[in-house]
Amino acid sequence: MNRSAFLLPVVVVAALVVISAVFTVDERERALVLQFGEVVTVKEDPGLAFKIPLIQEVVKYDKRILALETQSLEVTPADDRRLVVDAFARWRIQDVVKFRRAVGASGIDGATSRLQRIINAEMRAVLGSVDSGTVLSADRVALMNQIRDKARVQALSLGVEIVDVRIKRADLPEQNLSATFARMRAEREREAADEIARGKEAAQRVRALADRTVVETVSIAQKEADIIRGEADANRNAIFAEAFGKDPEFFAFYRSLNAYEASLQGSNTTLVLSPDSEFFDYLKTDRLGE
């Protein structure tokens, strides 16, 4: 009975020692076995592994691609128009031993902080060498690749590979938006005024052309009408002259009848003439008898 009571604690202690000596590595992880803070073994293959209990410890790091969201950064491009830039990066641990020695016990959090400083510094350098129009245009893809390449060189000292850097947003600071919008509005209003002025000028030219065309058309029509009227009068006079030459008496009679008709129109027409006036020659009985 005393022997069983003695063996049970020994078995328990031995089991605890064995359990503490075994650890597992996931396929998404890499593990470092540390002894007094120094790297002893690197375990990259998934499965079971062993360490010396109480003397050695295990630190695991994710070997997948990780995300880094940078804080909003204010940069000043070459044309001195300040911009607020938000970016994100993709990175992974390339050399786990170098990574451990560079960041120590701070791990992923410490690496994230240092990577953010590296990326911000390269963003200021690259974006400060071009004007704001380039940063805001589609050409900034080349700028992002340039930031990535420069930051990748700096990150090698951490045992880290920067896979990609992308700019999510590049806008004017809040205090400059009102002034910028006002300037844009003024430019658009000026362009609208120019367009309206050009439209009025074009309308005036069209109206003047139409007025000139009307005057020319009326003038030509009047000229043709005068010509036709003159030709008609000439024909009429020629006919009258020919008729007068053939029978002067009949022509005089015809003209007298027209004069009677023109003078006696209306309901209250009054003529005061002498009885022996020539006007009534063709109304006299003896003349009609002739």
C-alpha atoms as a PDB file:
ATOM      1  CA  MET A   1       0.000   0.000   0.000  1.00  0.00           C
ATOM      2  CA  ASN A   2       2.824   2.406   0.843  1.00  0.00           C
ATOM      3  CA  ARG A   3       4.593   1.451  -2.388  1.00  0.00           C
ATOM      4  CA  SER A   4       1.503   2.314  -4.494  1.00  0.00           C
ATOM      5  CA  ALA A   5       1.181   5.616  -2.704  1.00  0.00           C
ATOM      6  CA  PHE A   6       4.817   6.390  -3.571  1.00  0.00           C
ATOM      7  CA  LEU A   7       4.590   5.353  -7.253  1.00  0.00           C
ATOM      8  CA  LEU A   8       1.456   7.330  -8.057  1.00  0.00           C
ATOM      9  CA  PRO A   9       3.059  10.772  -7.649  1.00  0.00           C
ATOM     10  CA  VAL A  10       6.092   9.575  -9.579  1.00  0.00           C
ATOM     11  CA  VAL A  11       3.889   8.423 -12.454  1.00  0.00           C
ATOM     12  CA  VAL A  12       1.981  11.669 -12.429  1.00  0.00           C
ATOM     13  CA  VAL A  13       5.193  13.711 -12.458  1.00  0.00           C
ATOM     14  CA  ALA A  14       6.636  11.575 -15.229  1.00  0.00           C
ATOM     15  CA  ALA A  15       3.448  11.992 -17.277  1.00  0.00           C
ATOM     16  CA  LEU A  16       3.567  15.729 -16.818  1.00  0.00           C
ATOM     17  CA  VAL A  17       7.218  15.782 -17.857  1.00  0.00           C
ATOM     18  CA  VAL A  18       6.449  13.764 -20.995  1.00  0.00           C
ATOM     19  CA  ILE A  19       3.457  15.961 -21.839  1.00  0.00           C
ATOM     20  CA  SER A  20       5.478  19.130 -21.387  1.00  0.00           C
ATOM     21  CA  ALA A  21       8.229  17.709 -23.601  1.00  0.00           C
ATOM     22  CA  VAL A  22       5.859  17.138 -26.543  1.00  0.00           C
ATOM     23  CA  PHE A  23       4.394  19.847 -28.719  1.00  0.00           C
ATOM     24  CA  THR A  24       2.612  19.926 -32.087  1.00  0.00           C
ATOM     25  CA  VAL A  25       3.242  22.106 -35.107  1.00  0.00           C
ATOM     26  CA  ASP A  26       0.333  23.054 -37.334  1.00  0.00           C
ATOM     27  CA  GLU A  27       0.814  23.127 -41.102  1.00  0.00           C
ATOM     28  CA  ARG A  28       0.182  26.893 -41.008  1.00  0.00           C
ATOM     29  CA  GLU A  29       2.911  27.490 -38.432  1.00  0.00           C
ATOM     30  CA  ARG A  30       6.625  27.317 -37.860  1.00  0.00           C
ATOM     31  CA  ALA A  31       8.010  26.697 -34.397  1.00  0.00           C
ATOM     32  CA  LEU A  32      11.238  27.759 -32.689  1.00  0.00           C
ATOM     33  CA  VAL A  33      12.663  25.846 -29.760  1.00  0.00           C
ATOM     34  CA  LEU A  34      14.399  28.319 -27.440  1.00  0.00           C
ATOM     35  CA  GLN A  35      16.850  27.601 -24.677  1.00  0.00           C
ATOM     36  CA  PHE A  36      17.635  30.512 -22.410  1.00  0.00           C
ATOM     37  CA  GLY A  37      16.366  32.847 -25.148  1.00  0.00           C
ATOM     38  CA  GLU A  38      18.554  31.417 -27.914  1.00  0.00           C
ATOM     39  CA  VAL A  39      17.203  29.498 -30.887  1.00  0.00           C
ATOM     40  CA  VAL A  40      18.082  25.818 -30.659  1.00  0.00           C
ATOM     41  CA  THR A  41      15.843  24.181 -33.234  1.00  0.00           C
ATOM     42  CA  VAL A  42      13.526  25.277 -36.027  1.00  0.00           C
ATOM     43  CA  LYS A  43      10.518  23.056 -36.648  1.00  0.00           C
ATOM     44  CA  GLU A  44       8.799  23.773 -39.990  1.00  0.00           C
ATOM     45  CA  ASP A  45       7.202  20.430 -40.824  1.00  0.00           C
ATOM     46  CA  PRO A  46       3.779  19.783 -39.288  1.00  0.00           C
ATOM     47  CA  GLY A  47       3.480  17.057 -36.670  1.00  0.00           C
ATOM     48  CA  LEU A  48       4.822  16.160 -33.228  1.00  0.00           C
ATOM     49  CA  ALA A  49       8.139  17.456 -31.863  1.00  0.00           C
ATOM     50  CA  PHE A  50      10.007  17.331 -28.579  1.00  0.00           C
ATOM     51  CA  LYS A  51      11.805  19.740 -26.274  1.00  0.00           C
ATOM     52  CA  ILE A  52      13.525  19.574 -22.909  1.00  0.00           C
ATOM     53  CA  PRO A  53      10.961  20.385 -20.229  1.00  0.00           C
ATOM     54  CA  LEU A  54      11.560  23.377 -18.006  1.00  0.00           C
ATOM     55  CA  ILE A  55      14.706  24.325 -19.903  1.00  0.00           C
ATOM     56  CA  GLN A  56      13.436  24.850 -23.397  1.00  0.00           C
ATOM     57  CA  GLU A  57      10.353  26.756 -24.602  1.00  0.00           C
ATOM     58  CA  VAL A  58       8.499  26.829 -27.935  1.00  0.00           C
ATOM     59  CA  VAL A  59       7.478  29.932 -29.871  1.00  0.00           C
ATOM     60  CA  LYS A  60       5.216  29.587 -32.900  1.00  0.00           C
ATOM     61  CA  TYR A  61       4.818  31.991 -35.808  1.00  0.00           C
ATOM     62  CA  ASP A  62       2.274  32.060 -38.610  1.00  0.00           C
ATOM     63  CA  LYS A  63       3.848  31.314 -41.983  1.00  0.00           C
ATOM     64  CA  ARG A  64       0.871  32.544 -44.011  1.00  0.00           C
ATOM     65  CA  ILE A  65       0.646  35.938 -45.719  1.00  0.00           C
ATOM     66  CA  LEU A  66      -0.440  38.510 -43.144  1.00  0.00           C
ATOM     67  CA  ALA A  67      -2.264  41.821 -43.533  1.00  0.00           C
ATOM     68  CA  LEU A  68      -1.089  45.209 -42.328  1.00  0.00           C
ATOM     69  CA  GLU A  69      -3.412  48.224 -42.321  1.00  0.00           C
ATOM     70  CA  THR A  70      -1.376  51.430 -42.053  1.00  0.00           C
ATOM     71  CA  GLN A  71      -2.628  54.465 -40.214  1.00  0.00           C
ATOM     72  CA  SER A  72      -3.679  57.550 -42.189  1.00  0.00           C
ATOM     73  CA  LEU A  73      -0.561  59.372 -43.315  1.00  0.00           C
ATOM     74  CA  GLU A  74      -0.323  62.977 -44.465  1.00  0.00           C
ATOM     75  CA  VAL A  75       2.155  63.457 -47.304  1.00  0.00           C
ATOM     76  CA  THR A  76       3.217  66.499 -49.322  1.00  0.00           C
ATOM     77  CA  PRO A  77       3.745  65.834 -53.041  1.00  0.00           C
ATOM     78  CA  ALA A  78       6.049  67.920 -55.222  1.00  0.00           C
ATOM     79  CA  ASP A  79       3.347  70.538 -55.951  1.00  0.00           C
ATOM     80  CA  ASP A  80       2.865  71.218 -52.203  1.00  0.00           C
ATOM     81  CA  ARG A  81      -0.743  70.012 -52.154  1.00  0.00           C
ATOM     82  CA  ARG A  82      -1.052  67.936 -49.017  1.00  0.00           C
ATOM     83  CA  LEU A  83      -2.783  64.565 -49.246  1.00  0.00           C
ATOM     84  CA  VAL A  84      -4.067  62.107 -46.650  1.00  0.00           C
ATOM     85  CA  VAL A  85      -3.119  58.578 -47.721  1.00  0.00           C
ATOM     86  CA  ASP A  86      -4.400  55.241 -46.407  1.00  0.00           C
ATOM     87  CA  ALA A  87      -2.564  52.086 -47.478  1.00  0.00           C
ATOM     88  CA  PHE A  88      -2.381  48.390 -46.686  1.00  0.00           C
ATOM     89  CA  ALA A  89       0.384  45.831 -47.083  1.00  0.00           C
ATOM     90  CA  ARG A  90       0.699  42.062 -47.341  1.00  0.00           C
ATOM     91  CA  TRP A  91       3.729  40.433 -45.715  1.00  0.00           C
ATOM     92  CA  ARG A  92       5.038  37.131 -44.397  1.00  0.00           C
ATOM     93  CA  ILE A  93       7.872  35.846 -42.246  1.00  0.00           C
ATOM     94  CA  GLN A  94      10.612  34.657 -44.577  1.00  0.00           C
ATOM     95  CA  ASP A  95      13.430  33.859 -42.135  1.00  0.00           C
ATOM     96  CA  VAL A  96      11.936  32.851 -38.800  1.00  0.00           C
ATOM     97  CA  VAL A  97      15.274  32.848 -36.949  1.00  0.00           C
ATOM     98  CA  LYS A  98      16.183  36.343 -38.144  1.00  0.00           C
ATOM     99  CA  PHE A  99      12.646  37.443 -37.367  1.00  0.00           C
ATOM    100  CA  ARG A 100      12.931  36.245 -33.768  1.00  0.00           C
ATOM    101  CA  ARG A 101      16.291  37.918 -33.272  1.00  0.00           C
ATOM    102  CA  ALA A 102      14.997  41.192 -34.789  1.00  0.00           C
ATOM    103  CA  VAL A 103      11.689  41.567 -32.936  1.00  0.00           C
ATOM    104  CA  GLY A 104      12.376  39.463 -29.842  1.00  0.00           C
ATOM    105  CA  ALA A 105       9.467  38.698 -27.584  1.00  0.00           C
ATOM    106  CA  SER A 106       7.263  41.413 -29.189  1.00  0.00           C
ATOM    107  CA  GLY A 107       6.516  38.986 -32.018  1.00  0.00           C
ATOM    108  CA  ILE A 108       3.928  39.898 -34.649  1.00  0.00           C
ATOM    109  CA  ASP A 109       2.865  43.101 -32.896  1.00  0.00           C
ATOM    110  CA  GLY A 110       6.429  44.387 -32.756  1.00  0.00           C
ATOM    111  CA  ALA A 111       7.011  43.477 -36.422  1.00  0.00           C
ATOM    112  CA  THR A 112       3.780  45.204 -37.459  1.00  0.00           C
ATOM    113  CA  SER A 113       4.829  48.425 -35.739  1.00  0.00           C
ATOM    114  CA  ARG A 114       8.268  48.418 -37.368  1.00  0.00           C
ATOM    115  CA  LEU A 115       6.889  47.527 -40.790  1.00  0.00           C
ATOM    116  CA  GLN A 116       4.424  50.392 -40.574  1.00  0.00           C
ATOM    117  CA  ARG A 117       7.269  52.836 -39.905  1.00  0.00           C
ATOM    118  CA  ILE A 118       9.218  51.443 -42.876  1.00  0.00           C
ATOM    119  CA  ILE A 119       6.225  51.670 -45.250  1.00  0.00           C
ATOM    120  CA  ASN A 120       5.291  55.191 -44.089  1.00  0.00           C
ATOM    121  CA  ALA A 121       8.856  56.403 -44.634  1.00  0.00           C
ATOM    122  CA  GLU A 122       8.959  54.989 -48.158  1.00  0.00           C
ATOM    123  CA  MET A 123       5.506  56.410 -48.943  1.00  0.00           C
ATOM    124  CA  ARG A 124       6.655  59.891 -47.929  1.00  0.00           C
ATOM    125  CA  ALA A 125       9.798  59.542 -50.044  1.00  0.00           C
ATOM    126  CA  VAL A 126       8.110  58.191 -53.177  1.00  0.00           C
ATOM    127  CA  LEU A 127       4.917  60.278 -53.111  1.00  0.00           C
ATOM    128  CA  GLY A 128       6.895  63.403 -52.251  1.00  0.00           C
ATOM    129  CA  SER A 129       8.854  63.105 -55.503  1.00  0.00           C
ATOM    130  CA  VAL A 130       5.767  63.444 -57.784  1.00  0.00           C
ATOM    131  CA  ASP A 131       2.872  65.888 -58.036  1.00  0.00           C
ATOM    132  CA  SER A 132      -0.543  65.252 -56.517  1.00  0.00           C
ATOM    133  CA  GLY A 133      -2.144  64.640 -59.925  1.00  0.00           C
ATOM    134  CA  THR A 134       0.026  61.564 -60.408  1.00  0.00           C
ATOM    135  CA  VAL A 135      -0.886  60.261 -56.951  1.00  0.00           C
ATOM    136  CA  LEU A 136      -4.606  60.700 -57.657  1.00  0.00           C
ATOM    137  CA  SER A 137      -4.477  59.191 -61.150  1.00  0.00           C
ATOM    138  CA  ALA A 138      -4.304  55.609 -62.404  1.00  0.00           C
ATOM    139  CA  ASP A 139      -0.523  56.022 -62.762  1.00  0.00           C
ATOM    140  CA  ARG A 140      -0.111  55.489 -59.036  1.00  0.00           C
ATOM    141  CA  VAL A 141       0.114  51.724 -59.616  1.00  0.00           C
ATOM    142  CA  ALA A 142       3.741  52.284 -60.570  1.00  0.00           C
ATOM    143  CA  LEU A 143       4.202  54.367 -57.419  1.00  0.00           C
ATOM    144  CA  MET A 144       2.801  51.567 -55.244  1.00  0.00           C
ATOM    145  CA  ASN A 145       5.169  49.070 -56.825  1.00  0.00           C
ATOM    146  CA  GLN A 146       8.046  51.444 -56.168  1.00  0.00           C
ATOM    147  CA  ILE A 147       7.025  51.785 -52.506  1.00  0.00           C
ATOM    148  CA  ARG A 148       6.777  47.995 -52.214  1.00  0.00           C
ATOM    149  CA  ASP A 149      10.227  47.397 -53.700  1.00  0.00           C
ATOM    150  CA  LYS A 150      11.949  49.954 -51.466  1.00  0.00           C
ATOM    151  CA  ALA A 151      10.137  48.793 -48.328  1.00  0.00           C
ATOM    152  CA  ARG A 152      10.975  45.171 -49.196  1.00  0.00           C
ATOM    153  CA  VAL A 153      14.694  45.955 -49.054  1.00  0.00           C
ATOM    154  CA  GLN A 154      14.297  47.593 -45.626  1.00  0.00           C
ATOM    155  CA  ALA A 155      12.200  44.707 -44.290  1.00  0.00           C
ATOM    156  CA  LEU A 156      14.822  42.060 -45.088  1.00  0.00           C
ATOM    157  CA  SER A 157      16.643  42.982 -41.876  1.00  0.00           C
ATOM    158  CA  LEU A 158      13.550  41.785 -39.967  1.00  0.00           C
ATOM    159  CA  GLY A 159      13.462  38.446 -41.771  1.00  0.00           C
ATOM    160  CA  VAL A 160      10.237  39.608 -43.416  1.00  0.00           C
ATOM    161  CA  GLU A 161       9.156  39.695 -47.067  1.00  0.00           C
ATOM    162  CA  ILE A 162       6.725  42.429 -48.111  1.00  0.00           C
ATOM    163  CA  VAL A 163       4.501  40.860 -50.742  1.00  0.00           C
ATOM    164  CA  ASP A 164       2.495  43.908 -51.805  1.00  0.00           C
ATOM    165  CA  VAL A 165       1.657  47.502 -50.917  1.00  0.00           C
ATOM    166  CA  ARG A 166      -1.507  49.212 -52.105  1.00  0.00           C
ATOM    167  CA  ILE A 167      -2.932  52.705 -51.600  1.00  0.00           C
ATOM    168  CA  LYS A 168      -6.586  52.512 -50.595  1.00  0.00           C
ATOM    169  CA  ARG A 169      -7.352  56.221 -50.444  1.00  0.00           C
ATOM    170  CA  ALA A 170      -5.608  59.462 -51.321  1.00  0.00           C
ATOM    171  CA  ASP A 171      -7.660  62.560 -50.518  1.00  0.00           C
ATOM    172  CA  LEU A 172      -7.167  66.167 -49.577  1.00  0.00           C
ATOM    173  CA  PRO A 173      -7.152  66.998 -45.857  1.00  0.00           C
ATOM    174  CA  GLU A 174     -10.538  67.939 -44.437  1.00  0.00           C
ATOM    175  CA  GLN A 175      -9.559  71.586 -43.953  1.00  0.00           C
ATOM    176  CA  ASN A 176      -8.622  71.914 -47.640  1.00  0.00           C
ATOM    177  CA  LEU A 177     -11.727  70.273 -49.093  1.00  0.00           C
ATOM    178  CA  SER A 178     -13.943  73.380 -48.898  1.00  0.00           C
ATOM    179  CA  ALA A 179     -11.362  75.563 -50.615  1.00  0.00           C
ATOM    180  CA  THR A 180     -10.733  72.925 -53.246  1.00  0.00           C
ATOM    181  CA  PHE A 181     -14.443  72.407 -53.921  1.00  0.00           C
ATOM    182  CA  ALA A 182     -14.918  76.193 -54.147  1.00  0.00           C
ATOM    183  CA  ARG A 183     -12.079  76.443 -56.646  1.00  0.00           C
ATOM    184  CA  MET A 184     -13.496  73.551 -58.665  1.00  0.00           C
ATOM    185  CA  ARG A 185     -16.943  75.167 -58.602  1.00  0.00           C
ATOM    186  CA  ALA A 186     -15.479  78.487 -59.780  1.00  0.00           C
ATOM    187  CA  GLU A 187     -13.659  76.747 -62.619  1.00  0.00           C
ATOM    188  CA  ARG A 188     -16.819  74.947 -63.693  1.00  0.00           C
ATOM    189  CA  GLU A 189     -18.830  78.179 -63.516  1.00  0.00           C
ATOM    190  CA  ARG A 190     -16.192  79.949 -65.615  1.00  0.00           C
ATOM    191  CA  GLU A 191     -16.314  77.138 -68.174  1.00  0.00           C
ATOM    192  CA  ALA A 192     -20.126  77.328 -68.197  1.00  0.00           C
ATOM    193  CA  ALA A 193     -19.996  81.107 -68.701  1.00  0.00           C
ATOM    194  CA  ASP A 194     -17.552  80.643 -71.584  1.00  0.00           C
ATOM    195  CA  GLU A 195     -19.836  78.075 -73.165  1.00  0.00           C
ATOM    196  CA  ILE A 196     -22.863  80.364 -72.755  1.00  0.00           C
ATOM    197  CA  ALA A 197     -20.949  83.272 -74.281  1.00  0.00           C
ATOM    198  CA  ARG A 198     -19.842  81.131 -77.212  1.00  0.00           C
ATOM    199  CA  GLY A 199     -23.430  79.936 -77.644  1.00  0.00           C
ATOM    200  CA  LYS A 200     -24.757  83.504 -77.678  1.00  0.00           C
ATOM    201  CA  GLU A 201     -22.095  84.523 -80.163  1.00  0.00           C
ATOM    202  CA  ALA A 202     -22.982  81.604 -82.426  1.00  0.00           C
ATOM    203  CA  ALA A 203     -26.693  82.430 -82.092  1.00  0.00           C
ATOM    204  CA  GLN A 204     -25.979  86.062 -82.996  1.00  0.00           C
ATOM    205  CA  ARG A 205     -24.060  84.963 -86.082  1.00  0.00           C
ATOM    206  CA  VAL A 206     -26.895  82.655 -87.136  1.00  0.00           C
ATOM    207  CA  ARG A 207     -29.467  85.403 -86.504  1.00  0.00           C
ATOM    208  CA  ALA A 208     -27.454  87.958 -88.475  1.00  0.00           C
ATOM    209  CA  LEU A 209     -27.022  85.500 -91.325  1.00  0.00           C
ATOM    210  CA  ALA A 210     -30.761  84.787 -91.304  1.00  0.00           C
ATOM    211  CA  ASP A 211     -31.602  88.520 -91.290  1.00  0.00           C
ATOM    212  CA  ARG A 212     -29.217  89.158 -94.189  1.00  0.00           C
ATOM    213  CA  THR A 213     -30.698  86.201 -96.061  1.00  0.00           C
ATOM    214  CA  VAL A 214     -34.217  87.617 -95.501  1.00  0.00           C
ATOM    215  CA  VAL A 215     -33.176  91.060 -96.751  1.00  0.00           C
ATOM    216  CA  GLU A 216     -31.441  89.590 -99.773  1.00  0.00           C
ATOM    217  CA  THR A 217     -34.410  87.321-100.539  1.00  0.00           C
ATOM    218  CA  VAL A 218     -36.927  90.181-100.200  1.00  0.00           C
ATOM    219  CA  SER A 219     -34.721  92.449-102.292  1.00  0.00           C
ATOM    220  CA  ILE A 220     -34.394  89.854-105.040  1.00  0.00           C
ATOM    221  CA  ALA A 221     -38.160  89.192-104.933  1.00  0.00           C
ATOM    222  CA  GLN A 222     -38.906  92.930-105.056  1.00  0.00           C
ATOM    223  CA  LYS A 223     -36.531  93.346-107.967  1.00  0.00           C
ATOM    224  CA  GLU A 224     -38.134  90.461-109.863  1.00  0.00           C
ATOM    225  CA  ALA A 225     -41.621  91.807-109.022  1.00  0.00           C
ATOM    226  CA  ASP A 226     -40.685  95.284-110.290  1.00  0.00           C
ATOM    227  CA  ILE A 227     -39.295  93.741-113.456  1.00  0.00           C
ATOM    228  CA  ILE A 228     -42.444  91.683-113.988  1.00  0.00           C
ATOM    229  CA  ARG A 229     -44.650  94.683-113.159  1.00  0.00           C
ATOM    230  CA  GLY A 230     -42.699  96.871-115.553  1.00  0.00           C
ATOM    231  CA  GLU A 231     -42.929  94.296-118.298  1.00  0.00           C
ATOM    232  CA  ALA A 232     -46.688  93.954-117.658  1.00  0.00           C
ATOM    233  CA  ASP A 233     -47.158  97.739-117.744  1.00  0.00           C
ATOM    234  CA  ALA A 234     -45.182  97.881-120.955  1.00  0.00           C
ATOM    235  CA  ASN A 235     -47.314  95.154-122.477  1.00  0.00           C
ATOM    236  CA  ARG A 236     -50.469  96.875-121.289  1.00  0.00           C
ATOM    237  CA  ASN A 237     -49.357 100.223-122.713  1.00  0.00           C
ATOM    238  CA  ALA A 238     -48.381  98.506-125.933  1.00  0.00           C
ATOM    239  CA  ILE A 239     -51.840  96.927-126.137  1.00  0.00           C
ATOM    240  CA  PHE A 240     -53.479 100.269-125.371  1.00  0.00           C
ATOM    241  CA  ALA A 241     -51.343 102.011-127.956  1.00  0.00           C
ATOM    242  CA  GLU A 242     -52.135  99.377-130.540  1.00  0.00           C
ATOM    243  CA  ALA A 243     -55.846  99.584-129.714  1.00  0.00           C
ATOM    244  CA  PHE A 244     -55.773 103.385-129.875  1.00  0.00           C
ATOM    245  CA  GLY A 245     -54.046 103.217-133.226  1.00  0.00           C
ATOM    246  CA  LYS A 246     -56.675 100.901-134.670  1.00  0.00           C
ATOM    247  CA  ASP A 247     -59.786 102.745-133.337  1.00  0.00           C
ATOM    248  CA  PRO A 248     -59.156 105.989-131.422  1.00  0.00           C
ATOM    249  CA  GLU A 249     -62.869 106.624-131.003  1.00  0.00           C
ATOM    250  CA  PHE A 250     -63.507 103.265-129.328  1.00  0.00           C
ATOM    251  CA  PHE A 251     -60.470 103.730-127.125  1.00  0.00           C
ATOM    252  CA  ALA A 252     -61.766 107.132-125.966  1.00  0.00           C
ATOM    253  CA  PHE A 253     -65.190 105.589-125.311  1.00  0.00           C
ATOM    254  CA  TYR A 254     -63.613 102.766-123.256  1.00  0.00           C
ATOM    255  CA  ARG A 255     -61.623 105.197-121.147  1.00  0.00           C
ATOM    256  CA  SER A 256     -64.706 107.318-120.523  1.00  0.00           C
ATOM    257  CA  LEU A 257     -66.627 104.295-119.281  1.00  0.00           C
ATOM    258  CA  ASN A 258     -63.793 103.478-116.843  1.00  0.00           C
ATOM    259  CA  ALA A 259     -63.852 107.086-115.637  1.00  0.00           C
ATOM    260  CA  TYR A 260     -67.634 106.908-115.110  1.00  0.00           C
ATOM    261  CA  GLU A 261     -67.253 103.725-113.095  1.00  0.00           C
ATOM    262  CA  ALA A 262     -64.470 105.128-110.941  1.00  0.00           C
ATOM    263  CA  SER A 263     -66.184 108.449-110.255  1.00  0.00           C
ATOM    264  CA  LEU A 264     -69.704 107.200-109.604  1.00  0.00           C
ATOM    265  CA  GLN A 265     -68.823 104.519-107.036  1.00  0.00           C
ATOM    266  CA  GLY A 266     -70.423 104.752-103.603  1.00  0.00           C
ATOM    267  CA  SER A 267     -73.923 105.517-102.366  1.00  0.00           C
ATOM    268  CA  ASN A 268     -73.478 109.258-101.743  1.00  0.00           C
ATOM    269  CA  THR A 269     -71.275 110.311-104.628  1.00  0.00           C
ATOM    270  CA  THR A 270     -72.009 113.844-105.874  1.00  0.00           C
ATOM    271  CA  LEU A 271     -70.531 115.479-108.981  1.00  0.00           C
ATOM    272  CA  VAL A 272     -71.009 119.143-109.780  1.00  0.00           C
ATOM    273  CA  LEU A 273     -70.309 119.641-113.507  1.00  0.00           C
ATOM    274  CA  SER A 274     -71.412 121.911-116.249  1.00  0.00           C
ATOM    275  CA  PRO A 275     -74.027 120.337-118.589  1.00  0.00           C
ATOM    276  CA  ASP A 276     -71.876 120.961-121.561  1.00  0.00           C
ATOM    277  CA  SER A 277     -68.790 119.333-119.898  1.00  0.00           C
ATOM    278  CA  GLU A 278     -66.803 116.942-122.030  1.00  0.00           C
ATOM    279  CA  PHE A 279     -67.147 114.392-119.227  1.00  0.00           C
ATOM    280  CA  PHE A 280     -70.709 113.631-120.375  1.00  0.00           C
ATOM    281  CA  ASP A 281     -70.017 113.556-124.082  1.00  0.00           C
ATOM    282  CA  TYR A 282     -70.790 109.820-124.342  1.00  0.00           C
ATOM    283  CA  LEU A 283     -73.975 110.194-122.255  1.00  0.00           C
ATOM    284  CA  LYS A 284     -75.588 112.643-124.667  1.00  0.00           C
ATOM    285  CA  THR A 285     -78.315 111.183-126.865  1.00  0.00           C
ATOM    286  CA  ASP A 286     -77.146 112.741-130.054  1.00  0.00           C
ATOM    287  CA  ARG A 287     -73.627 111.467-129.463  1.00  0.00           C
ATOM    288  CA  LEU A 288     -74.895 107.970-128.744  1.00  0.00           C
ATOM    289  CA  GLY A 289     -76.838 108.131-131.925  1.00  0.00           C
ATOM    290  CA  GLU A 290     -73.717 108.724-133.872  1.00  0.00           C
END
